Protein backbone atom coordinates (compact mmCIF):
# COMPACT_ATOMS: atom_id res chain seq x y z
CA UNK A 1 55.23 96.02 116.18
CA UNK A 2 56.89 95.47 119.52
CA UNK A 3 57.92 98.08 122.08
CA UNK A 4 61.62 97.48 121.36
CA UNK A 5 60.99 98.83 117.82
CA UNK A 6 59.60 101.98 119.38
CA UNK A 7 62.35 102.27 121.97
CA UNK A 8 65.22 101.74 119.50
CA UNK A 9 63.81 104.28 117.04
CA UNK A 10 62.05 106.67 119.44
CA UNK A 11 62.37 109.95 117.45
CA UNK A 12 61.05 108.25 114.30
CA UNK A 13 57.77 107.61 116.15
CA UNK A 14 57.12 111.24 117.16
CA UNK A 15 54.90 111.95 114.15
CA UNK A 16 52.89 108.73 114.65
CA UNK A 17 52.50 109.48 118.36
CA UNK A 18 51.34 113.04 117.75
CA UNK A 19 48.94 111.83 115.04
CA UNK A 20 47.42 109.37 117.51
CA UNK A 21 47.57 111.68 120.55
CA UNK A 22 47.44 115.31 119.33
CA UNK A 23 47.83 116.49 122.93
CA UNK A 24 51.38 115.08 123.00
CA UNK A 25 54.26 117.52 122.71
CA UNK A 26 57.60 116.81 121.09
CA UNK A 27 59.56 118.33 123.99
CA UNK A 28 57.84 115.93 126.39
CA UNK A 29 58.53 113.00 124.07
CA UNK A 30 62.22 113.98 124.11
CA UNK A 31 62.16 113.62 127.89
CA UNK A 32 60.49 110.20 127.74
CA UNK A 33 63.22 108.90 125.40
CA UNK A 34 61.51 105.58 124.67
CA UNK A 35 60.82 104.61 128.30
CA UNK A 36 57.59 102.59 128.15
CA UNK A 37 56.48 103.31 131.71
CA UNK A 38 57.11 107.03 131.29
CA UNK A 39 55.18 106.98 128.01
CA UNK A 40 52.19 105.23 129.62
CA UNK A 41 52.23 107.77 132.46
CA UNK A 42 52.46 110.64 129.98
CA UNK A 43 49.57 109.37 127.83
CA UNK A 44 47.55 108.84 131.01
CA UNK A 45 48.19 112.46 131.95
CA UNK A 46 47.53 114.12 128.59
CA UNK A 47 44.41 112.10 127.79
CA UNK A 48 43.11 112.20 131.38
CA UNK A 49 42.47 108.45 131.23
CA UNK A 50 42.99 105.73 133.75
CA UNK A 51 46.38 103.97 133.36
CA UNK A 52 44.73 100.75 132.18
CA UNK A 53 42.81 102.63 129.47
CA UNK A 54 46.02 104.31 128.32
CA UNK A 55 47.82 100.94 128.23
CA UNK A 56 45.03 99.46 126.12
CA UNK A 57 45.16 102.43 123.74
CA UNK A 58 48.95 102.08 123.41
CA UNK A 59 48.62 98.32 122.80
CA UNK A 60 46.13 99.08 120.02
CA UNK A 61 48.50 101.69 118.56
CA UNK A 62 51.33 99.13 118.58
CA UNK A 63 49.32 96.94 116.19
CA UNK A 64 49.83 99.61 113.52
CA UNK A 65 52.54 99.88 110.91
CA UNK A 66 56.13 100.88 111.51
CA UNK A 67 56.84 104.44 110.35
CA UNK A 68 58.74 104.65 107.08
CA UNK A 69 61.67 106.32 108.90
CA UNK A 70 62.16 103.09 110.80
CA UNK A 71 61.76 100.83 107.78
CA UNK A 72 64.16 102.94 105.72
CA UNK A 73 66.87 102.91 108.40
CA UNK A 74 70.19 101.68 106.88
CA UNK A 75 70.65 99.24 109.79
CA UNK A 76 67.53 97.39 108.62
CA UNK A 77 68.67 97.50 105.01
CA UNK A 78 72.09 96.05 105.82
CA UNK A 79 70.47 93.34 107.93
CA UNK A 80 68.21 92.41 105.01
CA UNK A 81 71.17 92.38 102.64
CA UNK A 82 73.10 90.10 104.99
CA UNK A 83 70.14 87.71 105.13
CA UNK A 84 69.95 87.63 101.32
CA UNK A 85 73.11 85.52 101.12
CA UNK A 86 71.02 82.37 100.69
CA UNK A 87 69.80 83.74 97.33
CA UNK A 88 73.25 84.74 96.07
CA UNK A 89 75.31 82.16 94.18
CA UNK A 90 78.48 80.80 95.79
CA UNK A 91 81.46 83.05 95.25
CA UNK A 92 79.40 86.22 94.80
CA UNK A 93 79.36 88.90 97.50
CA UNK A 94 75.87 90.01 98.56
CA UNK A 95 77.28 93.52 99.12
CA UNK A 96 78.80 93.61 95.62
CA UNK A 97 78.00 96.33 93.09
CA UNK A 98 74.98 95.50 90.91
CA UNK A 99 75.68 97.79 87.94
CA UNK A 100 74.87 95.03 85.50
CA UNK A 101 71.32 95.06 86.95
CA UNK A 102 70.81 98.78 86.40
CA UNK A 103 72.28 100.22 89.61
CA UNK A 104 73.28 103.75 88.52
CA UNK A 105 75.55 104.62 91.43
């Protein structure tokens, strides 16, 4: 994942951050609000590492999976639906109701 994923969905990453760095506190993460430099400084402080070590640890963490809260965000769903138009026959709306395919709502 890229930092912009983290920044755009900052609160969704709290659990993943606290899992990786148990010393991190949610109130402090609120203050950071997705600022990468502030996050690096904070991780440096709570882990008592050198800044370069903290950066390397964060880079390694960024190679992980996106939290499900980010993946399940309706903005991502709507974007995927909009991209699906190439698989929808001409004249059919990709946002159309799919009751004939078992959609119960």
